[in-house]
Amino acid sequence: FIWQSRRDGWNHLYLYNSDGKLIRQLTKGPWEVLDVKGFDAKGELLFFTSTIVSPISKNLSSVNVKSGKIKRITSGNMVHNTLLSDDGAACLDIYSSPDIPRVINYVQVKSGATKNLLTAADPLKEYSRGEMKIFTIKNKVGDDLYCRLFKPANFDSTKKYPVIVYWYGGPHAQMITNAWN
């Protein structure tokens, strides 16, 4: 059976035998498994979403249960929301980034062949917008905390502007992601 645990400090997947003895850790690294999507038709590949690229992105990967080899299905520092077919042969990859409102692709998992189904236009392209920037600051123990800054349209660094600070008490509600806002 597969057990999802934080036993190494990160949320990962572990393979156990039916007696409850650990066979091996299936995923490992300084990143989190976010969701288990399912298996392929033979039960050899386990599909999962994770922060393997960045803490503010989400990608679909598979892990071979026997070998432990991980293969990324989606790529890029973006937020990929995926729908996996029952047999694990294909998925819908619905993703966005701060610059890309939405793309929907049909992906053949084994070959990686992709067919674009939708690329959304920027609904705000006619509006004057300020720059948006994602950056990090360090906490007391040196961990990166992600922040997002929106500057006013036509920003002038020699002027003073009012500031709105929106503070949230994560990590249960991640607000800073590499997705369309």
N, C-alpha and C. Protein backbone atom coordinates (compact mmCIF):
# COMPACT_ATOMS: atom_id res chain seq x y z
N PHE A 1 0.83 -1.18 0.00
CA PHE A 1 0.00 0.00 0.00
C PHE A 1 0.87 1.24 0.00
N ILE A 2 0.28 2.34 -0.42
CA ILE A 2 0.98 3.63 -0.46
C ILE A 2 0.52 4.46 0.73
N TRP A 3 1.48 5.02 1.44
CA TRP A 3 1.19 5.86 2.60
C TRP A 3 1.76 7.25 2.33
N GLN A 4 0.95 8.27 2.58
CA GLN A 4 1.41 9.65 2.43
C GLN A 4 1.72 10.17 3.82
N SER A 5 2.94 10.70 3.99
CA SER A 5 3.38 11.08 5.33
C SER A 5 4.39 12.22 5.27
N ARG A 6 4.55 12.90 6.40
CA ARG A 6 5.56 13.95 6.57
C ARG A 6 6.74 13.43 7.41
N ARG A 7 6.96 12.14 7.41
CA ARG A 7 7.95 11.55 8.30
C ARG A 7 9.37 12.07 8.06
N ASP A 8 9.69 12.56 6.86
CA ASP A 8 11.02 13.13 6.61
C ASP A 8 11.00 14.66 6.64
N GLY A 9 9.87 15.23 7.07
CA GLY A 9 9.75 16.69 7.13
C GLY A 9 9.03 17.29 5.93
N TRP A 10 8.83 16.50 4.89
CA TRP A 10 8.13 16.93 3.68
C TRP A 10 7.00 15.93 3.41
N ASN A 11 5.94 16.36 2.79
CA ASN A 11 4.82 15.48 2.48
C ASN A 11 5.19 14.60 1.28
N HIS A 12 5.41 13.30 1.53
CA HIS A 12 5.86 12.39 0.47
C HIS A 12 5.12 11.06 0.52
N LEU A 13 5.39 10.22 -0.47
CA LEU A 13 4.72 8.93 -0.63
C LEU A 13 5.68 7.79 -0.30
N TYR A 14 5.16 6.79 0.43
CA TYR A 14 5.95 5.64 0.88
C TYR A 14 5.23 4.36 0.48
N LEU A 15 6.00 3.36 0.05
CA LEU A 15 5.46 2.06 -0.33
C LEU A 15 5.70 1.07 0.81
N TYR A 16 4.63 0.42 1.24
CA TYR A 16 4.69 -0.57 2.31
C TYR A 16 4.18 -1.91 1.79
N ASN A 17 4.62 -3.02 2.41
CA ASN A 17 4.03 -4.31 2.08
C ASN A 17 2.77 -4.51 2.93
N SER A 18 2.07 -5.60 2.70
CA SER A 18 0.80 -5.82 3.39
C SER A 18 0.96 -6.08 4.89
N ASP A 19 2.20 -6.36 5.33
CA ASP A 19 2.46 -6.53 6.77
C ASP A 19 2.78 -5.20 7.45
N GLY A 20 2.81 -4.14 6.68
CA GLY A 20 3.10 -2.83 7.25
C GLY A 20 4.58 -2.50 7.31
N LYS A 21 5.41 -3.26 6.59
CA LYS A 21 6.85 -3.00 6.57
C LYS A 21 7.18 -2.08 5.40
N LEU A 22 7.96 -1.03 5.69
CA LEU A 22 8.35 -0.07 4.65
C LEU A 22 9.23 -0.76 3.61
N ILE A 23 8.84 -0.65 2.35
CA ILE A 23 9.66 -1.15 1.24
C ILE A 23 10.60 -0.06 0.76
N ARG A 24 10.03 1.13 0.46
CA ARG A 24 10.85 2.26 0.04
C ARG A 24 10.03 3.55 0.03
N GLN A 25 10.76 4.64 0.11
CA GLN A 25 10.17 5.97 -0.06
C GLN A 25 10.08 6.20 -1.56
N LEU A 26 8.88 6.51 -2.05
CA LEU A 26 8.67 6.69 -3.49
C LEU A 26 9.03 8.09 -3.97
N THR A 27 8.76 9.10 -3.16
CA THR A 27 9.09 10.48 -3.53
C THR A 27 9.97 11.06 -2.43
N LYS A 28 10.90 11.92 -2.81
CA LYS A 28 11.83 12.47 -1.83
C LYS A 28 12.39 13.77 -2.36
N GLY A 29 12.58 14.72 -1.46
CA GLY A 29 13.20 15.98 -1.83
C GLY A 29 12.58 17.13 -1.07
N PRO A 30 13.14 18.32 -1.23
CA PRO A 30 12.63 19.50 -0.52
C PRO A 30 11.42 20.11 -1.24
N TRP A 31 10.39 19.31 -1.38
CA TRP A 31 9.15 19.71 -2.04
C TRP A 31 8.01 18.86 -1.47
N GLU A 32 6.77 19.23 -1.78
CA GLU A 32 5.59 18.58 -1.22
C GLU A 32 4.78 17.85 -2.27
N VAL A 33 4.31 16.66 -1.94
CA VAL A 33 3.26 16.00 -2.71
C VAL A 33 1.95 16.65 -2.28
N LEU A 34 1.20 17.19 -3.23
CA LEU A 34 -0.04 17.90 -2.91
C LEU A 34 -1.27 17.02 -3.04
N ASP A 35 -1.25 16.12 -4.03
CA ASP A 35 -2.44 15.32 -4.32
C ASP A 35 -2.03 14.06 -5.06
N VAL A 36 -2.69 12.95 -4.74
CA VAL A 36 -2.50 11.71 -5.49
C VAL A 36 -3.64 11.62 -6.49
N LYS A 37 -3.29 11.49 -7.77
CA LYS A 37 -4.29 11.50 -8.85
C LYS A 37 -4.77 10.11 -9.24
N GLY A 38 -3.95 9.07 -9.05
CA GLY A 38 -4.36 7.72 -9.41
C GLY A 38 -3.23 6.94 -10.05
N PHE A 39 -3.57 5.75 -10.55
CA PHE A 39 -2.61 4.84 -11.18
C PHE A 39 -2.89 4.70 -12.66
N ASP A 40 -1.90 4.17 -13.39
CA ASP A 40 -2.13 3.77 -14.77
C ASP A 40 -2.89 2.44 -14.77
N ALA A 41 -3.25 1.93 -15.95
CA ALA A 41 -4.08 0.73 -16.06
C ALA A 41 -3.41 -0.50 -15.46
N LYS A 42 -2.07 -0.57 -15.51
CA LYS A 42 -1.35 -1.73 -14.98
C LYS A 42 -0.99 -1.58 -13.50
N GLY A 43 -1.20 -0.41 -12.93
CA GLY A 43 -0.84 -0.18 -11.54
C GLY A 43 0.65 0.01 -11.32
N GLU A 44 1.37 0.30 -12.38
CA GLU A 44 2.83 0.48 -12.29
C GLU A 44 3.22 1.92 -12.00
N LEU A 45 2.43 2.86 -12.51
CA LEU A 45 2.72 4.28 -12.34
C LEU A 45 1.69 4.91 -11.43
N LEU A 46 2.18 5.66 -10.45
CA LEU A 46 1.32 6.43 -9.55
C LEU A 46 1.47 7.90 -9.93
N PHE A 47 0.36 8.56 -10.21
CA PHE A 47 0.38 9.97 -10.62
C PHE A 47 0.09 10.86 -9.41
N PHE A 48 0.82 11.97 -9.34
CA PHE A 48 0.65 12.90 -8.22
C PHE A 48 0.97 14.32 -8.66
N THR A 49 0.41 15.29 -7.96
CA THR A 49 0.78 16.69 -8.17
C THR A 49 1.67 17.11 -7.01
N SER A 50 2.60 18.03 -7.32
CA SER A 50 3.57 18.43 -6.30
C SER A 50 4.13 19.82 -6.58
N THR A 51 4.92 20.26 -5.63
CA THR A 51 5.65 21.52 -5.75
C THR A 51 7.11 21.25 -6.15
N ILE A 52 7.33 20.23 -6.95
CA ILE A 52 8.68 19.80 -7.32
C ILE A 52 9.47 20.90 -8.03
N VAL A 53 8.80 21.79 -8.76
CA VAL A 53 9.48 22.88 -9.47
C VAL A 53 9.71 24.08 -8.55
N SER A 54 8.68 24.44 -7.79
CA SER A 54 8.74 25.62 -6.93
C SER A 54 7.61 25.54 -5.91
N PRO A 55 7.80 26.10 -4.71
CA PRO A 55 6.72 26.10 -3.73
C PRO A 55 5.46 26.85 -4.19
N ILE A 56 5.58 27.69 -5.21
CA ILE A 56 4.41 28.45 -5.67
C ILE A 56 3.87 27.94 -7.00
N SER A 57 4.34 26.76 -7.42
CA SER A 57 3.81 26.15 -8.64
C SER A 57 3.26 24.78 -8.32
N LYS A 58 2.60 24.18 -9.29
CA LYS A 58 2.04 22.84 -9.12
C LYS A 58 2.18 22.11 -10.45
N ASN A 59 2.76 20.90 -10.41
CA ASN A 59 2.98 20.10 -11.62
C ASN A 59 2.55 18.67 -11.40
N LEU A 60 2.17 18.00 -12.49
CA LEU A 60 1.81 16.59 -12.46
C LEU A 60 3.03 15.75 -12.81
N SER A 61 3.26 14.71 -12.02
CA SER A 61 4.35 13.76 -12.26
C SER A 61 3.83 12.36 -12.06
N SER A 62 4.65 11.38 -12.46
CA SER A 62 4.36 9.98 -12.15
C SER A 62 5.60 9.39 -11.50
N VAL A 63 5.37 8.38 -10.66
CA VAL A 63 6.47 7.63 -10.08
C VAL A 63 6.23 6.16 -10.38
N ASN A 64 7.26 5.49 -10.87
CA ASN A 64 7.18 4.05 -11.10
C ASN A 64 7.29 3.37 -9.74
N VAL A 65 6.26 2.61 -9.36
CA VAL A 65 6.21 2.01 -8.03
C VAL A 65 7.36 1.03 -7.82
N LYS A 66 7.78 0.32 -8.86
CA LYS A 66 8.87 -0.67 -8.72
C LYS A 66 10.25 -0.02 -8.68
N SER A 67 10.50 0.91 -9.59
CA SER A 67 11.85 1.49 -9.69
C SER A 67 12.02 2.78 -8.90
N GLY A 68 10.93 3.46 -8.61
CA GLY A 68 11.01 4.75 -7.93
C GLY A 68 11.34 5.90 -8.85
N LYS A 69 11.44 5.64 -10.16
CA LYS A 69 11.79 6.70 -11.12
C LYS A 69 10.61 7.66 -11.28
N ILE A 70 10.90 8.95 -11.16
CA ILE A 70 9.88 10.00 -11.29
C ILE A 70 9.99 10.63 -12.67
N LYS A 71 8.85 10.84 -13.31
CA LYS A 71 8.79 11.51 -14.61
C LYS A 71 7.78 12.65 -14.50
N ARG A 72 8.22 13.84 -14.88
CA ARG A 72 7.29 14.97 -14.89
C ARG A 72 6.42 14.91 -16.13
N ILE A 73 5.13 15.10 -15.97
CA ILE A 73 4.17 15.11 -17.08
C ILE A 73 3.96 16.54 -17.55
N THR A 74 3.82 17.48 -16.62
CA THR A 74 3.70 18.89 -16.96
C THR A 74 5.00 19.59 -16.60
N SER A 75 5.22 20.75 -17.18
CA SER A 75 6.46 21.45 -16.91
C SER A 75 6.22 22.94 -16.76
N GLY A 76 7.22 23.61 -16.27
CA GLY A 76 7.15 25.05 -16.13
C GLY A 76 6.79 25.48 -14.73
N ASN A 77 7.23 26.67 -14.40
CA ASN A 77 6.95 27.26 -13.09
C ASN A 77 5.60 27.95 -13.15
N MET A 78 4.54 27.14 -13.19
CA MET A 78 3.15 27.61 -13.31
C MET A 78 2.29 26.73 -12.42
N VAL A 79 1.03 27.04 -12.36
CA VAL A 79 0.09 26.20 -11.63
C VAL A 79 -0.70 25.38 -12.64
N HIS A 80 -0.46 24.06 -12.61
CA HIS A 80 -1.13 23.11 -13.49
C HIS A 80 -2.20 22.39 -12.67
N ASN A 81 -3.44 22.51 -13.09
CA ASN A 81 -4.54 21.73 -12.52
C ASN A 81 -4.87 20.68 -13.56
N THR A 82 -4.74 19.42 -13.19
CA THR A 82 -4.86 18.34 -14.17
C THR A 82 -6.00 17.40 -13.84
N LEU A 83 -6.57 16.85 -14.90
CA LEU A 83 -7.59 15.82 -14.79
C LEU A 83 -7.03 14.60 -15.51
N LEU A 84 -6.81 13.52 -14.78
CA LEU A 84 -6.21 12.31 -15.32
C LEU A 84 -7.29 11.33 -15.75
N SER A 85 -7.10 10.70 -16.91
CA SER A 85 -8.04 9.67 -17.36
C SER A 85 -7.98 8.47 -16.41
N ASP A 86 -9.04 7.67 -16.40
CA ASP A 86 -9.11 6.52 -15.49
C ASP A 86 -7.95 5.55 -15.67
N ASP A 87 -7.46 5.42 -16.90
CA ASP A 87 -6.37 4.47 -17.15
C ASP A 87 -4.99 5.13 -17.11
N GLY A 88 -4.93 6.43 -16.83
CA GLY A 88 -3.66 7.13 -16.74
C GLY A 88 -2.96 7.37 -18.05
N ALA A 89 -3.67 7.15 -19.16
CA ALA A 89 -3.04 7.30 -20.48
C ALA A 89 -3.01 8.75 -20.97
N ALA A 90 -3.92 9.57 -20.46
CA ALA A 90 -4.01 10.96 -20.93
C ALA A 90 -4.48 11.86 -19.79
N CYS A 91 -4.27 13.14 -19.98
CA CYS A 91 -4.77 14.10 -18.99
C CYS A 91 -5.12 15.41 -19.67
N LEU A 92 -6.01 16.14 -19.03
CA LEU A 92 -6.26 17.53 -19.39
C LEU A 92 -5.37 18.36 -18.49
N ASP A 93 -4.57 19.20 -19.10
CA ASP A 93 -3.67 20.08 -18.36
C ASP A 93 -4.21 21.49 -18.48
N ILE A 94 -4.73 21.99 -17.37
CA ILE A 94 -5.32 23.34 -17.31
C ILE A 94 -4.36 24.18 -16.48
N TYR A 95 -3.68 25.11 -17.13
CA TYR A 95 -2.67 25.86 -16.38
C TYR A 95 -2.75 27.35 -16.64
N SER A 96 -2.10 28.09 -15.72
CA SER A 96 -1.96 29.53 -15.88
C SER A 96 -0.68 29.95 -15.18
N SER A 97 -0.29 31.18 -15.47
CA SER A 97 0.86 31.80 -14.81
C SER A 97 0.49 33.28 -14.63
N PRO A 98 1.32 34.07 -13.98
CA PRO A 98 0.98 35.49 -13.85
C PRO A 98 0.77 36.19 -15.19
N ASP A 99 1.37 35.67 -16.27
CA ASP A 99 1.26 36.28 -17.59
C ASP A 99 0.32 35.54 -18.55
N ILE A 100 -0.11 34.34 -18.17
CA ILE A 100 -0.96 33.50 -19.04
C ILE A 100 -2.27 33.24 -18.32
N PRO A 101 -3.38 33.81 -18.84
CA PRO A 101 -4.67 33.64 -18.14
C PRO A 101 -5.12 32.19 -18.04
N ARG A 102 -5.09 31.43 -19.11
CA ARG A 102 -5.49 30.02 -19.06
C ARG A 102 -5.14 29.34 -20.37
N VAL A 103 -4.61 28.13 -20.22
CA VAL A 103 -4.36 27.25 -21.36
C VAL A 103 -4.90 25.88 -20.97
N ILE A 104 -5.57 25.23 -21.90
CA ILE A 104 -6.03 23.87 -21.69
C ILE A 104 -5.45 23.01 -22.80
N ASN A 105 -4.68 21.99 -22.40
CA ASN A 105 -4.06 21.07 -23.33
C ASN A 105 -4.50 19.65 -23.03
N TYR A 106 -4.61 18.85 -24.08
CA TYR A 106 -4.82 17.41 -23.95
C TYR A 106 -3.45 16.77 -24.10
N VAL A 107 -3.03 15.97 -23.12
CA VAL A 107 -1.68 15.40 -23.10
C VAL A 107 -1.75 13.88 -23.09
N GLN A 108 -1.05 13.25 -24.05
CA GLN A 108 -0.84 11.81 -24.03
C GLN A 108 0.34 11.56 -23.08
N VAL A 109 0.08 10.88 -21.97
CA VAL A 109 1.08 10.76 -20.91
C VAL A 109 2.34 10.04 -21.38
N LYS A 110 2.22 8.92 -22.05
CA LYS A 110 3.39 8.11 -22.43
C LYS A 110 4.30 8.85 -23.41
N SER A 111 3.72 9.41 -24.47
CA SER A 111 4.52 10.06 -25.50
C SER A 111 4.80 11.53 -25.21
N GLY A 112 3.98 12.14 -24.40
CA GLY A 112 4.11 13.58 -24.16
C GLY A 112 3.48 14.43 -25.23
N ALA A 113 2.86 13.79 -26.23
CA ALA A 113 2.20 14.54 -27.30
C ALA A 113 1.09 15.40 -26.70
N THR A 114 1.04 16.65 -27.16
CA THR A 114 0.10 17.62 -26.60
C THR A 114 -0.73 18.25 -27.70
N LYS A 115 -2.01 18.39 -27.43
CA LYS A 115 -2.89 19.11 -28.35
C LYS A 115 -3.54 20.25 -27.58
N ASN A 116 -3.37 21.47 -28.11
CA ASN A 116 -3.96 22.63 -27.46
C ASN A 116 -5.46 22.69 -27.74
N LEU A 117 -6.25 22.80 -26.68
CA LEU A 117 -7.70 22.91 -26.81
C LEU A 117 -8.18 24.35 -26.62
N LEU A 118 -7.45 25.12 -25.79
CA LEU A 118 -7.85 26.50 -25.53
C LEU A 118 -6.65 27.30 -25.06
N THR A 119 -6.50 28.48 -25.61
CA THR A 119 -5.56 29.47 -25.08
C THR A 119 -6.36 30.75 -24.92
N ALA A 120 -6.62 31.09 -23.68
CA ALA A 120 -7.47 32.25 -23.40
C ALA A 120 -6.74 33.55 -23.67
N ALA A 121 -7.47 34.50 -24.18
CA ALA A 121 -6.93 35.85 -24.37
C ALA A 121 -6.88 36.56 -23.03
N ASP A 122 -6.01 37.53 -22.93
CA ASP A 122 -5.90 38.33 -21.71
C ASP A 122 -7.14 39.22 -21.58
N PRO A 123 -8.01 38.97 -20.60
CA PRO A 123 -9.23 39.77 -20.48
C PRO A 123 -8.97 41.21 -20.00
N LEU A 124 -7.74 41.48 -19.58
CA LEU A 124 -7.42 42.81 -19.05
C LEU A 124 -6.48 43.60 -19.98
N LYS A 125 -6.29 43.12 -21.20
CA LYS A 125 -5.29 43.74 -22.07
C LYS A 125 -5.60 45.20 -22.41
N GLU A 126 -6.85 45.60 -22.37
CA GLU A 126 -7.23 46.98 -22.70
C GLU A 126 -7.11 47.93 -21.51
N TYR A 127 -6.77 47.39 -20.35
CA TYR A 127 -6.70 48.20 -19.13
C TYR A 127 -5.26 48.56 -18.80
N SER A 128 -5.10 49.73 -18.22
CA SER A 128 -3.80 50.16 -17.75
C SER A 128 -3.56 49.47 -16.40
N ARG A 129 -2.51 48.68 -16.35
CA ARG A 129 -2.20 47.95 -15.13
C ARG A 129 -0.78 48.23 -14.69
N GLY A 130 -0.58 48.17 -13.41
CA GLY A 130 0.77 48.31 -12.88
C GLY A 130 1.49 46.98 -12.91
N GLU A 131 2.75 47.02 -12.57
CA GLU A 131 3.58 45.82 -12.54
C GLU A 131 3.24 44.97 -11.32
N MET A 132 3.25 43.65 -11.52
CA MET A 132 3.09 42.71 -10.40
C MET A 132 4.39 41.95 -10.29
N LYS A 133 4.86 41.78 -9.07
CA LYS A 133 6.14 41.11 -8.84
C LYS A 133 5.99 40.12 -7.68
N ILE A 134 6.50 38.91 -7.87
CA ILE A 134 6.56 37.92 -6.80
C ILE A 134 8.00 37.87 -6.31
N PHE A 135 8.18 37.91 -4.99
CA PHE A 135 9.53 37.89 -4.41
C PHE A 135 9.47 37.18 -3.07
N THR A 136 10.63 36.98 -2.47
CA THR A 136 10.69 36.33 -1.17
C THR A 136 11.38 37.22 -0.15
N ILE A 137 11.01 36.98 1.10
CA ILE A 137 11.73 37.55 2.24
C ILE A 137 12.02 36.37 3.17
N LYS A 138 12.99 36.51 4.03
CA LYS A 138 13.36 35.44 4.95
C LYS A 138 12.65 35.62 6.30
N ASN A 139 12.25 34.50 6.89
CA ASN A 139 11.71 34.56 8.25
C ASN A 139 12.86 34.41 9.25
N LYS A 140 12.56 34.30 10.54
CA LYS A 140 13.59 34.25 11.58
C LYS A 140 14.55 33.08 11.42
N VAL A 141 14.09 31.97 10.88
CA VAL A 141 14.96 30.79 10.74
C VAL A 141 15.54 30.64 9.34
N GLY A 142 15.31 31.63 8.47
CA GLY A 142 15.92 31.62 7.14
C GLY A 142 15.09 31.01 6.04
N ASP A 143 13.84 30.64 6.32
CA ASP A 143 12.95 30.10 5.28
C ASP A 143 12.44 31.23 4.40
N ASP A 144 12.23 30.91 3.12
CA ASP A 144 11.67 31.88 2.20
C ASP A 144 10.17 32.01 2.42
N LEU A 145 9.71 33.25 2.53
CA LEU A 145 8.29 33.57 2.58
C LEU A 145 7.96 34.32 1.30
N TYR A 146 6.95 33.84 0.58
CA TYR A 146 6.62 34.43 -0.72
C TYR A 146 5.69 35.61 -0.56
N CYS A 147 5.96 36.65 -1.34
CA CYS A 147 5.19 37.89 -1.30
C CYS A 147 4.83 38.30 -2.73
N ARG A 148 3.78 39.08 -2.83
CA ARG A 148 3.38 39.62 -4.14
C ARG A 148 3.17 41.12 -3.96
N LEU A 149 3.73 41.89 -4.89
CA LEU A 149 3.63 43.35 -4.84
C LEU A 149 2.99 43.83 -6.14
N PHE A 150 1.96 44.63 -6.00
CA PHE A 150 1.32 45.28 -7.15
C PHE A 150 1.64 46.76 -7.08
N LYS A 151 2.28 47.26 -8.11
CA LYS A 151 2.55 48.69 -8.19
C LYS A 151 1.42 49.35 -8.96
N PRO A 152 1.13 50.61 -8.65
CA PRO A 152 0.06 51.32 -9.38
C PRO A 152 0.40 51.46 -10.86
N ALA A 153 -0.63 51.58 -11.68
CA ALA A 153 -0.42 51.89 -13.10
C ALA A 153 0.31 53.22 -13.19
N ASN A 154 1.20 53.33 -14.15
CA ASN A 154 2.00 54.55 -14.35
C ASN A 154 2.81 54.90 -13.09
N PHE A 155 3.36 53.91 -12.46
CA PHE A 155 4.12 54.09 -11.22
C PHE A 155 5.28 55.05 -11.43
N ASP A 156 5.45 55.96 -10.50
CA ASP A 156 6.55 56.92 -10.51
C ASP A 156 7.29 56.77 -9.19
N SER A 157 8.53 56.31 -9.23
CA SER A 157 9.29 56.03 -8.00
C SER A 157 9.59 57.28 -7.18
N THR A 158 9.40 58.47 -7.76
CA THR A 158 9.66 59.70 -7.00
C THR A 158 8.44 60.16 -6.21
N LYS A 159 7.30 59.49 -6.41
CA LYS A 159 6.07 59.86 -5.70
C LYS A 159 5.80 58.90 -4.55
N LYS A 160 4.97 59.37 -3.61
CA LYS A 160 4.52 58.53 -2.51
C LYS A 160 3.12 58.02 -2.83
N TYR A 161 2.85 56.78 -2.45
CA TYR A 161 1.55 56.15 -2.70
C TYR A 161 1.04 55.52 -1.41
N PRO A 162 -0.26 55.43 -1.26
CA PRO A 162 -0.79 54.67 -0.11
C PRO A 162 -0.48 53.19 -0.30
N VAL A 163 -0.34 52.48 0.79
CA VAL A 163 0.00 51.06 0.75
C VAL A 163 -1.08 50.25 1.44
N ILE A 164 -1.46 49.15 0.82
CA ILE A 164 -2.38 48.21 1.44
C ILE A 164 -1.59 46.92 1.66
N VAL A 165 -1.56 46.45 2.89
CA VAL A 165 -0.87 45.20 3.21
C VAL A 165 -1.94 44.17 3.53
N TYR A 166 -1.91 43.07 2.80
CA TYR A 166 -2.84 41.97 3.05
C TYR A 166 -2.03 40.83 3.63
N TRP A 167 -2.25 40.53 4.89
CA TRP A 167 -1.50 39.50 5.59
C TRP A 167 -2.40 38.29 5.76
N TYR A 168 -1.90 37.14 5.48
CA TYR A 168 -2.68 35.93 5.72
C TYR A 168 -1.84 34.95 6.52
N GLY A 169 -2.49 34.15 7.31
CA GLY A 169 -1.79 33.26 8.23
C GLY A 169 -1.64 31.86 7.70
N GLY A 170 -1.05 31.69 6.51
CA GLY A 170 -0.83 30.37 5.93
C GLY A 170 -0.15 29.44 6.92
N PRO A 171 0.20 28.24 6.58
CA PRO A 171 0.30 27.70 5.23
C PRO A 171 -0.97 27.01 4.76
N HIS A 172 -2.00 27.01 5.56
CA HIS A 172 -3.22 26.29 5.18
C HIS A 172 -3.96 26.92 4.00
N ALA A 173 -3.67 28.15 3.69
CA ALA A 173 -4.37 28.85 2.60
C ALA A 173 -3.34 29.61 1.77
N GLN A 174 -2.65 28.88 0.90
CA GLN A 174 -1.60 29.51 0.10
C GLN A 174 -2.21 30.53 -0.86
N MET A 175 -1.81 31.77 -0.71
CA MET A 175 -2.34 32.85 -1.53
C MET A 175 -1.37 33.27 -2.65
N ILE A 176 -0.08 33.04 -2.45
CA ILE A 176 0.91 33.42 -3.45
C ILE A 176 1.23 32.19 -4.29
N THR A 177 0.76 32.20 -5.52
CA THR A 177 1.04 31.11 -6.45
C THR A 177 1.47 31.71 -7.78
N ASN A 178 2.12 30.91 -8.58
CA ASN A 178 2.56 31.36 -9.89
C ASN A 178 1.44 31.13 -10.91
N ALA A 179 0.29 31.73 -10.63
CA ALA A 179 -0.91 31.55 -11.46
C ALA A 179 -1.49 32.92 -11.81
N TRP A 180 -2.41 32.90 -12.76
CA TRP A 180 -3.14 34.11 -13.13
C TRP A 180 -3.90 34.58 -11.90
N ASN A 181 -3.83 35.87 -11.63
CA ASN A 181 -4.47 36.40 -10.44
C ASN A 181 -5.83 36.99 -10.79
